[in-house]
Amino acid sequence: MNWPYVLIDWEWDVMGNGGKLEDAVNYAKSKGIKPLIWYNSGTTDWSDATPVDRMRTREKRIKEFEWLNKIGVYGIKVGFFAGDQ
């Protein structure tokens, strides 16, 4: 389809098939597709969709973005499901 990006959506941190995010990222890149990944912006009090609490503080964001850059993720999508409450 010649899509430039692919979104690796929720629960990428707990893949039921034993996979790893790095493997999915590398596969996408091998096909010439830039991977994006989804983050839950909230806490577990309104949603159990993971990953949770990886971007809530500046320190956590810095650590997470350094890791994402290292493994080759091109961007993120942040879910704000409960943001209007």
Protein backbone atom coordinates (compact mmCIF):
# COMPACT_ATOMS: atom_id res chain seq x y z
CA MET A 1 0.00 0.00 0.00
CA ASN A 2 3.08 2.24 0.10
CA TRP A 3 2.25 3.56 3.56
CA PRO A 4 5.18 5.49 5.03
CA TYR A 5 4.32 4.64 8.66
CA VAL A 6 2.87 1.82 10.73
CA LEU A 7 1.39 2.18 14.21
CA ILE A 8 2.29 -0.49 16.75
CA ASP A 9 -0.70 -0.07 19.03
CA TRP A 10 -1.52 -0.76 22.68
CA GLU A 11 -0.05 -3.62 24.71
CA TRP A 12 3.13 -3.75 22.67
CA ASP A 13 4.92 -4.13 26.00
CA VAL A 14 3.10 -7.39 26.78
CA MET A 15 2.88 -9.21 23.45
CA GLY A 16 1.01 -12.45 23.94
CA ASN A 17 3.00 -14.24 21.25
CA GLY A 18 6.31 -13.74 23.02
CA GLY A 19 7.42 -11.07 20.56
CA LYS A 20 9.43 -8.00 21.39
CA LEU A 21 8.91 -4.41 20.30
CA GLU A 22 12.43 -4.31 18.88
CA ASP A 23 11.60 -7.21 16.55
CA ALA A 24 8.44 -5.49 15.29
CA VAL A 25 10.33 -2.22 14.78
CA ASN A 26 13.12 -3.96 12.88
CA TYR A 27 10.64 -5.83 10.70
CA ALA A 28 8.82 -2.61 9.78
CA LYS A 29 12.10 -0.88 8.98
CA SER A 30 13.20 -3.84 6.84
CA LYS A 31 10.11 -3.20 4.69
CA GLY A 32 10.88 0.51 4.38
CA ILE A 33 8.11 1.51 6.81
CA LYS A 34 8.72 3.90 9.70
CA PRO A 35 7.31 2.55 12.98
CA LEU A 36 5.28 4.62 15.43
CA ILE A 37 4.15 3.33 18.82
CA TRP A 38 1.18 4.09 21.04
CA TYR A 39 1.29 5.18 24.68
CA ASN A 40 -1.43 5.36 27.32
CA SER A 41 -1.25 8.86 28.81
CA GLY A 42 -3.31 7.98 31.85
CA THR A 43 -3.06 5.75 34.84
CA THR A 44 -4.64 2.40 35.57
CA ASP A 45 -7.57 4.00 37.40
CA TRP A 46 -9.44 4.47 34.10
CA SER A 47 -7.83 2.03 31.72
CA ASP A 48 -5.75 -1.08 31.91
CA ALA A 49 -4.35 -0.61 28.39
CA THR A 50 -0.58 -0.76 28.53
CA PRO A 51 2.01 0.67 28.50
CA VAL A 52 1.08 2.89 31.44
CA ASP A 53 3.08 5.49 33.33
CA ARG A 54 6.11 5.64 31.06
CA MET A 55 5.70 9.32 30.14
CA ARG A 56 4.23 10.92 33.28
CA THR A 57 7.39 12.65 34.49
CA ARG A 58 10.13 14.51 32.68
CA GLU A 59 12.71 11.97 33.79
CA LYS A 60 10.64 9.06 32.52
CA ARG A 61 10.03 10.80 29.19
CA ILE A 62 13.74 11.45 28.69
CA LYS A 63 14.57 7.82 29.42
CA GLU A 64 11.78 6.54 27.18
CA PHE A 65 12.64 8.81 24.25
CA GLU A 66 16.31 7.84 24.47
CA TRP A 67 15.29 4.17 24.28
CA LEU A 68 12.86 4.80 21.39
CA ASN A 69 15.53 6.65 19.47
CA LYS A 70 18.00 3.83 20.09
CA ILE A 71 15.69 1.13 18.72
CA GLY A 72 14.59 3.22 15.72
CA VAL A 73 11.03 4.33 16.49
CA TYR A 74 10.09 7.39 14.43
CA GLY A 75 7.31 8.80 16.59
CA ILE A 76 4.59 8.15 19.12
CA LYS A 77 0.81 8.37 19.37
CA VAL A 78 -0.48 9.27 22.84
CA GLY A 79 -3.96 8.14 23.89
CA PHE A 80 -5.99 10.59 25.97
CA PHE A 81 -9.19 8.58 26.42
CA ALA A 82 -10.12 10.12 29.78
CA GLY A 83 -8.66 13.56 29.13
CA ASP A 84 -12.04 15.31 28.93
CA GLN A 85 -13.25 14.23 32.38
